[in-house]
PDB file of N, CA and C in Angstrom:
ATOM      1  N   UNK A   1       7.402 -15.461 -10.730  1.00  0.00           N
ATOM      2  CA  UNK A   1       7.102 -14.598  -9.410  1.00  0.00           C
ATOM      3  C   UNK A   1       6.551 -15.555  -8.659  1.00  0.00           C
ATOM      4  N   UNK A   2       7.587 -15.769  -7.619  1.00  0.00           N
ATOM      5  CA  UNK A   2       6.961 -16.981  -6.253  1.00  0.00           C
ATOM      6  C   UNK A   2       5.672 -16.641  -5.623  1.00  0.00           C
ATOM      7  N   UNK A   3       5.850 -17.934  -4.636  1.00  0.00           N
ATOM      8  CA  UNK A   3       4.411 -17.384  -4.118  1.00  0.00           C
ATOM      9  C   UNK A   3       4.684 -16.585  -3.061  1.00  0.00           C
ATOM     10  N   UNK A   4       5.261 -15.817  -2.881  1.00  0.00           N
ATOM     11  CA  UNK A   4       5.061 -14.402  -1.995  1.00  0.00           C
ATOM     12  C   UNK A   4       4.761 -13.495  -2.968  1.00  0.00           C
ATOM     13  N   UNK A   5       5.481 -13.376  -3.295  1.00  0.00           N
ATOM     14  CA  UNK A   5       4.625 -12.255  -4.765  1.00  0.00           C
ATOM     15  C   UNK A   5       3.121 -12.226  -5.716  1.00  0.00           C
ATOM     16  N   UNK A   6       2.632 -13.456  -5.471  1.00  0.00           N
ATOM     17  CA  UNK A   6       1.351 -14.127  -5.980  1.00  0.00           C
ATOM     18  C   UNK A   6       0.344 -14.374  -5.243  1.00  0.00           C
ATOM     19  N   UNK A   7       0.553 -14.343  -3.961  1.00  0.00           N
ATOM     20  CA  UNK A   7      -0.485 -14.171  -2.866  1.00  0.00           C
ATOM     21  C   UNK A   7      -0.643 -12.375  -2.664  1.00  0.00           C
ATOM     22  N   UNK A   8       0.413 -12.037  -3.097  1.00  0.00           N
ATOM     23  CA  UNK A   8       0.611 -10.365  -3.057  1.00  0.00           C
ATOM     24  C   UNK A   8      -0.125  -9.418  -3.459  1.00  0.00           C
ATOM     25  N   UNK A   9       0.218 -10.376  -4.810  1.00  0.00           N
ATOM     26  CA  UNK A   9      -0.802  -9.570  -6.244  1.00  0.00           C
ATOM     27  C   UNK A   9      -2.201 -10.171  -5.881  1.00  0.00           C
ATOM     28  N   UNK A  10      -2.570 -11.226  -5.430  1.00  0.00           N
ATOM     29  CA  UNK A  10      -4.471 -11.219  -5.084  1.00  0.00           C
ATOM     30  C   UNK A  10      -4.484 -10.132  -4.018  1.00  0.00           C
ATOM     31  N   UNK A  11      -3.931 -10.159  -2.718  1.00  0.00           N
ATOM     32  CA  UNK A  11      -3.925  -9.341  -1.818  1.00  0.00           C
ATOM     33  C   UNK A  11      -4.475  -7.926  -2.521  1.00  0.00           C
ATOM     34  N   UNK A  12      -3.273  -7.140  -3.427  1.00  0.00           N
ATOM     35  CA  UNK A  12      -3.059  -5.947  -3.809  1.00  0.00           C
ATOM     36  C   UNK A  12      -4.208  -5.899  -4.552  1.00  0.00           C
ATOM     37  N   UNK A  13      -4.745  -6.921  -5.456  1.00  0.00           N
ATOM     38  CA  UNK A  13      -5.829  -7.086  -6.777  1.00  0.00           C
ATOM     39  C   UNK A  13      -7.120  -6.613  -6.055  1.00  0.00           C
ATOM     40  N   UNK A  14      -6.752  -7.067  -4.892  1.00  0.00           N
ATOM     41  CA  UNK A  14      -8.073  -7.281  -3.644  1.00  0.00           C
ATOM     42  C   UNK A  14      -8.972  -5.743  -3.247  1.00  0.00           C
ATOM     43  N   UNK A  15      -7.696  -4.759  -3.336  1.00  0.00           N
ATOM     44  CA  UNK A  15      -7.996  -3.376  -3.404  1.00  0.00           C
ATOM     45  C   UNK A  15      -8.795  -2.680  -3.629  1.00  0.00           C
ATOM     46  N   UNK A  16      -8.971  -3.199  -4.401  1.00  0.00           N
ATOM     47  CA  UNK A  16      -9.689  -2.120  -6.501  1.00  0.00           C
ATOM     48  C   UNK A  16     -11.186  -2.630  -5.681  1.00  0.00           C
ATOM     49  N   UNK A  17     -11.640  -3.763  -5.473  1.00  0.00           N
ATOM     50  CA  UNK A  17     -12.707  -3.441  -4.659  1.00  0.00           C
ATOM     51  C   UNK A  17     -13.317  -3.054  -3.740  1.00  0.00           C
ATOM     52  N   UNK A  18     -12.314  -2.741  -3.075  1.00  0.00           N
ATOM     53  CA  UNK A  18     -12.573  -1.896  -1.232  1.00  0.00           C
ATOM     54  C   UNK A  18     -12.270  -0.414  -1.751  1.00  0.00           C
ATOM     55  N   UNK A  19     -12.177  -0.031  -2.492  1.00  0.00           N
ATOM     56  CA  UNK A  19     -11.615   1.185  -2.954  1.00  0.00           C
ATOM     57  C   UNK A  19     -13.178   2.434  -2.881  1.00  0.00           C
ATOM     58  N   UNK A  20     -13.374   3.101  -1.928  1.00  0.00           N
ATOM     59  CA  UNK A  20     -13.892   4.077  -1.381  1.00  0.00           C
ATOM     60  C   UNK A  20     -13.561   5.485  -2.213  1.00  0.00           C
ATOM     61  N   UNK A  21     -14.000   5.635  -3.185  1.00  0.00           N
ATOM     62  CA  UNK A  21     -14.468   7.269  -4.223  1.00  0.00           C
ATOM     63  C   UNK A  21     -14.666   8.414  -2.956  1.00  0.00           C
ATOM     64  N   UNK A  22     -13.808   9.304  -3.455  1.00  0.00           N
ATOM     65  CA  UNK A  22     -13.918  10.225  -3.273  1.00  0.00           C
ATOM     66  C   UNK A  22     -13.849  10.541  -2.134  1.00  0.00           C
ATOM     67  N   UNK A  23     -12.255  10.165  -1.256  1.00  0.00           N
ATOM     68  CA  UNK A  23     -11.619  10.210   0.001  1.00  0.00           C
ATOM     69  C   UNK A  23     -10.215  10.594  -0.616  1.00  0.00           C
ATOM     70  N   UNK A  24      -9.802  10.752  -1.457  1.00  0.00           N
ATOM     71  CA  UNK A  24      -8.910  11.092  -2.252  1.00  0.00           C
ATOM     72  C   UNK A  24      -8.889  12.949  -2.970  1.00  0.00           C
ATOM     73  N   UNK A  25      -8.730  13.224  -2.515  1.00  0.00           N
ATOM     74  CA  UNK A  25      -8.768  14.935  -3.720  1.00  0.00           C
ATOM     75  C   UNK A  25      -8.253  14.834  -4.681  1.00  0.00           C
ATOM     76  N   UNK A  26      -7.095  14.923  -4.811  1.00  0.00           N
ATOM     77  CA  UNK A  26      -6.372  14.768  -6.030  1.00  0.00           C
ATOM     78  C   UNK A  26      -5.550  13.184  -6.330  1.00  0.00           C
ATOM     79  N   UNK A  27      -5.233  13.266  -7.823  1.00  0.00           N
ATOM     80  CA  UNK A  27      -4.278  12.447  -8.147  1.00  0.00           C
ATOM     81  C   UNK A  27      -2.766  11.826  -6.862  1.00  0.00           C
ATOM     82  N   UNK A  28      -2.904  11.411  -6.630  1.00  0.00           N
ATOM     83  CA  UNK A  28      -2.209  10.646  -5.368  1.00  0.00           C
ATOM     84  C   UNK A  28      -1.252   8.944  -5.946  1.00  0.00           C
ATOM     85  N   UNK A  29       0.226   8.823  -6.340  1.00  0.00           N
ATOM     86  CA  UNK A  29       0.746   8.031  -6.674  1.00  0.00           C
ATOM     87  C   UNK A  29       1.251   7.709  -4.760  1.00  0.00           C
ATOM     88  N   UNK A  30       1.041   6.204  -4.571  1.00  0.00           N
ATOM     89  CA  UNK A  30       1.629   5.326  -3.556  1.00  0.00           C
ATOM     90  C   UNK A  30       2.857   4.063  -4.206  1.00  0.00           C
ATOM     91  N   UNK A  31       3.859   4.870  -3.455  1.00  0.00           N
ATOM     92  CA  UNK A  31       5.275   3.253  -3.770  1.00  0.00           C
ATOM     93  C   UNK A  31       5.025   1.997  -3.010  1.00  0.00           C
ATOM     94  N   UNK A  32       4.801   1.108  -3.142  1.00  0.00           N
ATOM     95  CA  UNK A  32       4.343   0.219  -2.210  1.00  0.00           C
ATOM     96  C   UNK A  32       5.709  -0.816  -2.126  1.00  0.00           C
ATOM     97  N   UNK A  33       7.000  -0.644  -1.344  1.00  0.00           N
ATOM     98  CA  UNK A  33       8.242  -1.759  -1.291  1.00  0.00           C
ATOM     99  C   UNK A  33       7.794  -2.544  -0.275  1.00  0.00           C
ATOM    100  N   UNK A  34       7.764  -3.428  -0.498  1.00  0.00           N
ATOM    101  CA  UNK A  34       7.538  -4.756   0.206  1.00  0.00           C
ATOM    102  C   UNK A  34       8.250  -5.701   0.501  1.00  0.00           C
ATOM    103  N   UNK A  35       9.703  -5.856   0.093  1.00  0.00           N
ATOM    104  CA  UNK A  35      10.609  -6.653  -0.023  1.00  0.00           C
ATOM    105  C   UNK A  35      11.155  -6.537  -0.963  1.00  0.00           C
ATOM    106  N   UNK A  36      12.042  -7.740  -0.998  1.00  0.00           N
ATOM    107  CA  UNK A  36      13.073  -8.061  -2.070  1.00  0.00           C
ATOM    108  C   UNK A  36      12.981  -8.497  -3.274  1.00  0.00           C
ATOM    109  N   UNK A  37      11.849  -9.092  -2.743  1.00  0.00           N
ATOM    110  CA  UNK A  37      11.913 -10.330  -4.458  1.00  0.00           C
ATOM    111  C   UNK A  37      11.002 -10.143  -5.073  1.00  0.00           C
ATOM    112  N   UNK A  38      10.931 -10.787  -6.199  1.00  0.00           N
ATOM    113  CA  UNK A  38       9.699 -10.951  -7.188  1.00  0.00           C
ATOM    114  C   UNK A  38       8.457 -10.459  -6.552  1.00  0.00           C
ATOM    115  N   UNK A  39       8.089  -9.168  -7.884  1.00  0.00           N
ATOM    116  CA  UNK A  39       6.405  -9.138  -7.361  1.00  0.00           C
ATOM    117  C   UNK A  39       6.112  -8.106  -5.608  1.00  0.00           C
ATOM    118  N   UNK A  40       7.338  -7.844  -5.420  1.00  0.00           N
ATOM    119  CA  UNK A  40       6.904  -7.279  -4.298  1.00  0.00           C
ATOM    120  C   UNK A  40       7.539  -5.753  -4.010  1.00  0.00           C
ATOM    121  N   UNK A  41       7.390  -5.092  -5.433  1.00  0.00           N
ATOM    122  CA  UNK A  41       7.416  -3.619  -5.483  1.00  0.00           C
ATOM    123  C   UNK A  41       5.868  -3.112  -6.562  1.00  0.00           C
ATOM    124  N   UNK A  42       5.388  -2.120  -5.474  1.00  0.00           N
ATOM    125  CA  UNK A  42       4.237  -2.232  -6.183  1.00  0.00           C
ATOM    126  C   UNK A  42       3.407  -0.592  -6.213  1.00  0.00           C
ATOM    127  N   UNK A  43       3.109   0.223  -7.371  1.00  0.00           N
ATOM    128  CA  UNK A  43       2.067   1.097  -7.180  1.00  0.00           C
ATOM    129  C   UNK A  43       1.051   0.852  -7.386  1.00  0.00           C
ATOM    130  N   UNK A  44       0.464   1.965  -6.217  1.00  0.00           N
ATOM    131  CA  UNK A  44      -0.611   2.890  -6.204  1.00  0.00           C
ATOM    132  C   UNK A  44      -1.173   3.584  -6.684  1.00  0.00           C
ATOM    133  N   UNK A  45      -2.331   4.065  -7.685  1.00  0.00           N
ATOM    134  CA  UNK A  45      -2.073   5.215  -7.912  1.00  0.00           C
ATOM    135  C   UNK A  45      -4.166   5.566  -7.904  1.00  0.00           C
ATOM    136  N   UNK A  46      -4.249   6.427  -6.982  1.00  0.00           N
ATOM    137  CA  UNK A  46      -5.467   6.639  -6.348  1.00  0.00           C
ATOM    138  C   UNK A  46      -5.403   8.070  -7.019  1.00  0.00           C
ATOM    139  N   UNK A  47      -7.336   8.263  -7.292  1.00  0.00           N
ATOM    140  CA  UNK A  47      -7.821   9.521  -7.820  1.00  0.00           C
ATOM    141  C   UNK A  47      -9.273   9.565  -7.042  1.00  0.00           C
ATOM    142  N   UNK A  48      -9.752  10.834  -6.971  1.00  0.00           N
ATOM    143  CA  UNK A  48     -10.965  10.741  -6.329  1.00  0.00           C
ATOM    144  C   UNK A  48     -12.144   9.746  -6.774  1.00  0.00           C
ATOM    145  N   UNK A  49     -11.647   9.175  -7.954  1.00  0.00           N
ATOM    146  CA  UNK A  49     -13.350   8.371  -9.104  1.00  0.00           C
ATOM    147  C   UNK A  49     -12.475   6.997  -8.766  1.00  0.00           C
ATOM    148  N   UNK A  50     -10.984   6.494  -8.805  1.00  0.00           N
ATOM    149  CA  UNK A  50     -10.336   5.497  -9.120  1.00  0.00           C
ATOM    150  C   UNK A  50      -8.988   5.019  -8.340  1.00  0.00           C
ATOM    151  N   UNK A  51      -9.029   3.531  -8.682  1.00  0.00           N
ATOM    152  CA  UNK A  51      -8.004   2.846  -7.686  1.00  0.00           C
ATOM    153  C   UNK A  51      -7.137   2.320  -9.399  1.00  0.00           C
ATOM    154  N   UNK A  52      -5.524   2.126  -8.670  1.00  0.00           N
ATOM    155  CA  UNK A  52      -5.313   1.863 -10.157  1.00  0.00           C
ATOM    156  C   UNK A  52      -4.037   0.874  -9.429  1.00  0.00           C
ATOM    157  N   UNK A  53      -3.781  -0.229  -9.592  1.00  0.00           N
ATOM    158  CA  UNK A  53      -2.464  -1.130  -8.823  1.00  0.00           C
ATOM    159  C   UNK A  53      -1.515  -1.643  -9.883  1.00  0.00           C
ATOM    160  N   UNK A  54      -0.370  -1.142 -10.052  1.00  0.00           N
ATOM    161  CA  UNK A  54       0.515  -1.737 -11.164  1.00  0.00           C
ATOM    162  C   UNK A  54       1.531  -2.864 -10.154  1.00  0.00           C
ATOM    163  N   UNK A  55       2.091  -3.366 -10.957  1.00  0.00           N
ATOM    164  CA  UNK A  55       3.229  -3.886 -10.445  1.00  0.00           C
ATOM    165  C   UNK A  55       4.046  -3.078 -10.483  1.00  0.00           C
ATOM    166  N   UNK A  56       5.692  -2.920  -9.805  1.00  0.00           N
ATOM    167  CA  UNK A  56       6.722  -1.920 -10.409  1.00  0.00           C
ATOM    168  C   UNK A  56       6.609  -0.538  -9.492  1.00  0.00           C
ATOM    169  N   UNK A  57       7.675  -0.233  -9.406  1.00  0.00           N
ATOM    170  CA  UNK A  57       7.721   1.044  -8.804  1.00  0.00           C
ATOM    171  C   UNK A  57       7.919   2.677  -9.914  1.00  0.00           C
ATOM    172  N   UNK A  58       7.296   3.579  -9.483  1.00  0.00           N
ATOM    173  CA  UNK A  58       6.670   4.667  -9.839  1.00  0.00           C
ATOM    174  C   UNK A  58       8.010   5.376  -9.588  1.00  0.00           C
ATOM    175  N   UNK A  59       8.267   6.099 -10.786  1.00  0.00           N
ATOM    176  CA  UNK A  59       9.647   7.433 -10.509  1.00  0.00           C
ATOM    177  C   UNK A  59       9.297   8.125  -9.639  1.00  0.00           C
ATOM    178  N   UNK A  60       8.481   9.299  -9.217  1.00  0.00           N
ATOM    179  CA  UNK A  60       8.067   9.370  -7.971  1.00  0.00           C
ATOM    180  C   UNK A  60       6.733   9.795  -7.525  1.00  0.00           C
ATOM    181  N   UNK A  61       7.126   8.789  -6.097  1.00  0.00           N
ATOM    182  CA  UNK A  61       6.042   8.424  -5.305  1.00  0.00           C
ATOM    183  C   UNK A  61       4.996  10.017  -4.709  1.00  0.00           C
ATOM    184  N   UNK A  62       4.048   9.955  -4.558  1.00  0.00           N
ATOM    185  CA  UNK A  62       4.210  11.073  -3.398  1.00  0.00           C
ATOM    186  C   UNK A  62       4.008  10.443  -1.973  1.00  0.00           C
ATOM    187  N   UNK A  63       4.424   9.146  -2.145  1.00  0.00           N
ATOM    188  CA  UNK A  63       4.220   8.168  -0.879  1.00  0.00           C
ATOM    189  C   UNK A  63       4.544   6.781  -0.912  1.00  0.00           C
ATOM    190  N   UNK A  64       5.951   6.883   0.057  1.00  0.00           N
ATOM    191  CA  UNK A  64       6.268   5.120  -0.294  1.00  0.00           C
ATOM    192  C   UNK A  64       6.313   4.976   1.181  1.00  0.00           C
ATOM    193  N   UNK A  65       5.742   3.348   1.144  1.00  0.00           N
ATOM    194  CA  UNK A  65       5.665   2.769   2.151  1.00  0.00           C
ATOM    195  C   UNK A  65       6.775   1.812   2.185  1.00  0.00           C
ATOM    196  N   UNK A  66       7.630   1.102   2.595  1.00  0.00           N
ATOM    197  CA  UNK A  66       8.224   0.151   3.075  1.00  0.00           C
ATOM    198  C   UNK A  66       7.663  -0.818   4.709  1.00  0.00           C
ATOM    199  N   UNK A  67       7.745  -1.902   4.121  1.00  0.00           N
ATOM    200  CA  UNK A  67       7.647  -2.679   5.316  1.00  0.00           C
ATOM    201  C   UNK A  67       7.969  -4.194   4.377  1.00  0.00           C
ATOM    202  N   UNK A  68       6.942  -5.235   5.553  1.00  0.00           N
ATOM    203  CA  UNK A  68       6.826  -6.026   5.005  1.00  0.00           C
ATOM    204  C   UNK A  68       5.685  -6.927   4.413  1.00  0.00           C
ATOM    205  N   UNK A  69       5.943  -7.931   3.127  1.00  0.00           N
ATOM    206  CA  UNK A  69       4.517  -8.563   2.526  1.00  0.00           C
ATOM    207  C   UNK A  69       3.728  -9.050   4.139  1.00  0.00           C
ATOM    208  N   UNK A  70       3.951  -9.557   5.108  1.00  0.00           N
ATOM    209  CA  UNK A  70       3.655 -10.335   5.941  1.00  0.00           C
ATOM    210  C   UNK A  70       2.557  -9.267   6.363  1.00  0.00           C
ATOM    211  N   UNK A  71       3.397  -8.200   6.714  1.00  0.00           N
ATOM    212  CA  UNK A  71       2.579  -7.405   7.510  1.00  0.00           C
ATOM    213  C   UNK A  71       1.653  -6.156   6.725  1.00  0.00           C
ATOM    214  N   UNK A  72       1.668  -5.839   5.745  1.00  0.00           N
ATOM    215  CA  UNK A  72       1.155  -5.334   5.127  1.00  0.00           C
ATOM    216  C   UNK A  72      -0.127  -6.872   4.436  1.00  0.00           C
ATOM    217  N   UNK A  73       0.318  -7.229   3.939  1.00  0.00           N
ATOM    218  CA  UNK A  73      -0.761  -8.740   4.285  1.00  0.00           C
ATOM    219  C   UNK A  73      -2.231  -8.474   5.587  1.00  0.00           C
ATOM    220  N   UNK A  74      -1.773  -8.344   6.194  1.00  0.00           N
ATOM    221  CA  UNK A  74      -2.654  -8.444   7.776  1.00  0.00           C
ATOM    222  C   UNK A  74      -3.433  -7.272   7.544  1.00  0.00           C
ATOM    223  N   UNK A  75      -2.890  -5.979   7.392  1.00  0.00           N
ATOM    224  CA  UNK A  75      -3.084  -4.850   7.892  1.00  0.00           C
ATOM    225  C   UNK A  75      -4.564  -4.952   6.893  1.00  0.00           C
ATOM    226  N   UNK A  76      -4.020  -5.316   5.194  1.00  0.00           N
ATOM    227  CA  UNK A  76      -5.307  -5.019   4.032  1.00  0.00           C
ATOM    228  C   UNK A  76      -6.655  -6.234   4.565  1.00  0.00           C
ATOM    229  N   UNK A  77      -6.344  -7.858   5.505  1.00  0.00           N
ATOM    230  CA  UNK A  77      -6.548  -8.094   6.239  1.00  0.00           C
ATOM    231  C   UNK A  77      -7.446  -7.493   7.341  1.00  0.00           C
ATOM    232  N   UNK A  78      -6.957  -6.861   7.866  1.00  0.00           N
ATOM    233  CA  UNK A  78      -7.363  -6.259   9.246  1.00  0.00           C
ATOM    234  C   UNK A  78      -7.135  -6.815  10.414  1.00  0.00           C
ATOM    235  N   UNK A  79      -5.915  -7.509  10.607  1.00  0.00           N
ATOM    236  CA  UNK A  79      -5.470  -8.376  11.979  1.00  0.00           C
ATOM    237  C   UNK A  79      -4.491  -6.963  12.599  1.00  0.00           C
ATOM    238  N   UNK A  80      -4.116  -6.476  11.306  1.00  0.00           N
ATOM    239  CA  UNK A  80      -2.452  -5.654  11.887  1.00  0.00           C
ATOM    240  C   UNK A  80      -2.918  -4.311  11.391  1.00  0.00           C
ATOM    241  N   UNK A  81      -2.877  -3.207  12.994  1.00  0.00           N
ATOM    242  CA  UNK A  81      -2.956  -1.895  12.830  1.00  0.00           C
ATOM    243  C   UNK A  81      -1.603  -1.096  13.230  1.00  0.00           C
ATOM    244  N   UNK A  82      -0.774  -0.667  12.122  1.00  0.00           N
ATOM    245  CA  UNK A  82       0.437   0.335  12.499  1.00  0.00           C
ATOM    246  C   UNK A  82       0.093   1.170  13.553  1.00  0.00           C
ATOM    247  N   UNK A  83       1.151   1.104  14.033  1.00  0.00           N
ATOM    248  CA  UNK A  83       1.142   2.417  15.695  1.00  0.00           C
ATOM    249  C   UNK A  83       2.424   3.015  15.487  1.00  0.00           C
ATOM    250  N   UNK A  84       2.784   3.875  16.555  1.00  0.00           N
ATOM    251  CA  UNK A  84       3.671   4.473  16.756  1.00  0.00           C
ATOM    252  C   UNK A  84       5.026   3.303  17.382  1.00  0.00           C
ATOM    253  N   UNK A  85       4.352   2.713  17.411  1.00  0.00           N
ATOM    254  CA  UNK A  85       5.841   1.533  18.094  1.00  0.00           C
ATOM    255  C   UNK A  85       5.814   0.203  17.152  1.00  0.00           C
ATOM    256  N   UNK A  86       5.378   0.643  15.562  1.00  0.00           N
ATOM    257  CA  UNK A  86       5.603  -0.319  14.500  1.00  0.00           C
ATOM    258  C   UNK A  86       6.818   1.396  13.348  1.00  0.00           C
ATOM    259  N   UNK A  87       6.698   2.373  14.000  1.00  0.00           N
ATOM    260  CA  UNK A  87       7.607   3.007  13.148  1.00  0.00           C
ATOM    261  C   UNK A  87       8.711   3.561  13.582  1.00  0.00           C
ATOM    262  N   UNK A  88       8.576   3.403  15.181  1.00  0.00           N
ATOM    263  CA  UNK A  88      10.240   3.603  15.843  1.00  0.00           C
ATOM    264  C   UNK A  88      11.160   2.336  15.090  1.00  0.00           C
ATOM    265  N   UNK A  89      10.563   1.398  15.405  1.00  0.00           N
ATOM    266  CA  UNK A  89      11.751   0.672  14.945  1.00  0.00           C
ATOM    267  C   UNK A  89      12.429  -0.383  13.893  1.00  0.00           C
ATOM    268  N   UNK A  90      11.665   0.955  12.937  1.00  0.00           N
ATOM    269  CA  UNK A  90      11.452   0.487  11.595  1.00  0.00           C
ATOM    270  C   UNK A  90       9.987  -0.329  11.023  1.00  0.00           C
ATOM    271  N   UNK A  91      10.117  -0.864  11.607  1.00  0.00           N
ATOM    272  CA  UNK A  91       9.210  -1.984  10.937  1.00  0.00           C
ATOM    273  C   UNK A  91       8.309  -2.127   9.296  1.00  0.00           C
ATOM    274  N   UNK A  92       7.694  -0.181   9.396  1.00  0.00           N
ATOM    275  CA  UNK A  92       7.233   0.036   8.630  1.00  0.00           C
ATOM    276  C   UNK A  92       7.392   1.453   8.592  1.00  0.00           C
ATOM    277  N   UNK A  93       8.401   1.872   7.499  1.00  0.00           N
ATOM    278  CA  UNK A  93       8.453   3.106   6.480  1.00  0.00           C
ATOM    279  C   UNK A  93       7.740   4.151   5.774  1.00  0.00           C
ATOM    280  N   UNK A  94       7.676   5.685   6.116  1.00  0.00           N
ATOM    281  CA  UNK A  94       7.258   5.878   4.408  1.00  0.00           C
ATOM    282  C   UNK A  94       7.811   7.311   4.849  1.00  0.00           C
ATOM    283  N   UNK A  95       7.040   7.983   4.000  1.00  0.00           N
ATOM    284  CA  UNK A  95       7.690   9.478   3.684  1.00  0.00           C
ATOM    285  C   UNK A  95       6.760  10.265   4.178  1.00  0.00           C
ATOM    286  N   UNK A  96       5.804  10.190   4.677  1.00  0.00           N
ATOM    287  CA  UNK A  96       4.668  10.895   4.512  1.00  0.00           C
ATOM    288  C   UNK A  96       3.452  10.244   5.274  1.00  0.00           C
ATOM    289  N   UNK A  97       2.937  10.008   6.570  1.00  0.00           N
ATOM    290  CA  UNK A  97       2.433   9.405   7.137  1.00  0.00           C
ATOM    291  C   UNK A  97       0.975  10.075   7.208  1.00  0.00           C
ATOM    292  N   UNK A  98       0.404  11.277   6.900  1.00  0.00           N
ATOM    293  CA  UNK A  98      -1.001  11.912   6.679  1.00  0.00           C
ATOM    294  C   UNK A  98      -1.185  11.446   5.477  1.00  0.00           C
ATOM    295  N   UNK A  99      -0.245  11.003   4.301  1.00  0.00           N
ATOM    296  CA  UNK A  99      -0.813  10.386   3.067  1.00  0.00           C
ATOM    297  C   UNK A  99      -0.867   9.310   2.836  1.00  0.00           C
ATOM    298  N   UNK A 100      -0.303   8.781   3.885  1.00  0.00           N
ATOM    299  CA  UNK A 100      -0.657   6.474   4.189  1.00  0.00           C
ATOM    300  C   UNK A 100      -1.683   6.436   5.172  1.00  0.00           C
ATOM    301  N   UNK A 101      -2.001   7.589   6.175  1.00  0.00           N
ATOM    302  CA  UNK A 101      -3.587   7.567   6.586  1.00  0.00           C
ATOM    303  C   UNK A 101      -4.790   7.482   5.516  1.00  0.00           C
ATOM    304  N   UNK A 102      -4.756   8.430   4.100  1.00  0.00           N
ATOM    305  CA  UNK A 102      -5.247   8.652   3.348  1.00  0.00           C
ATOM    306  C   UNK A 102      -5.604   7.446   2.659  1.00  0.00           C
ATOM    307  N   UNK A 103      -4.500   6.377   2.888  1.00  0.00           N
ATOM    308  CA  UNK A 103      -4.267   5.814   1.571  1.00  0.00           C
ATOM    309  C   UNK A 103      -5.405   3.904   2.836  1.00  0.00           C
ATOM    310  N   UNK A 104      -5.309   4.701   4.070  1.00  0.00           N
ATOM    311  CA  UNK A 104      -5.920   3.487   4.631  1.00  0.00           C
ATOM    312  C   UNK A 104      -7.722   3.690   4.956  1.00  0.00           C
ATOM    313  N   UNK A 105      -7.565   4.937   4.674  1.00  0.00           N
ATOM    314  CA  UNK A 105      -9.587   5.808   4.715  1.00  0.00           C
ATOM    315  C   UNK A 105      -9.877   5.139   3.641  1.00  0.00           C
ATOM    316  N   UNK A 106      -9.244   5.419   2.156  1.00  0.00           N
ATOM    317  CA  UNK A 106      -9.116   4.719   0.759  1.00  0.00           C
ATOM    318  C   UNK A 106      -9.673   3.081   0.388  1.00  0.00           C
ATOM    319  N   UNK A 107      -9.218   2.552   1.822  1.00  0.00           N
ATOM    320  CA  UNK A 107      -9.623   1.206   1.162  1.00  0.00           C
ATOM    321  C   UNK A 107     -10.291   1.022   3.053  1.00  0.00           C
ATOM    322  N   UNK A 108     -10.722   1.873   3.192  1.00  0.00           N
ATOM    323  CA  UNK A 108     -11.250   1.249   4.328  1.00  0.00           C
ATOM    324  C   UNK A 108     -10.428   0.602   5.807  1.00  0.00           C
ATOM    325  N   UNK A 109      -9.478   0.697   6.011  1.00  0.00           N
ATOM    326  CA  UNK A 109      -8.763  -0.191   6.309  1.00  0.00           C
ATOM    327  C   UNK A 109      -8.118   0.233   7.956  1.00  0.00           C
TER     328      UNK A 109
END
């Protein structure tokens, strides 16, 4: 795993401590595609009481998020909030905006 993958692993690992129980009503799986390199594909599974973060791709995710590792890290750090202008040119792509908003709420982003 390269440096980008290592930094991303640390960022994602930190999400566990920020998880807010009770935001997610039922088990929801997120696939994060944050680049093409090693360590840039992740699965986040949220339940009403727990958060699980694993490297790799899940077969049938409820929500897919595709963006750069840099933008995702900035989102987690609180230095960037996605807006409509980010979706139009494809800086960030998802199959479910509402579930993406729930992901943000579940971690206080």
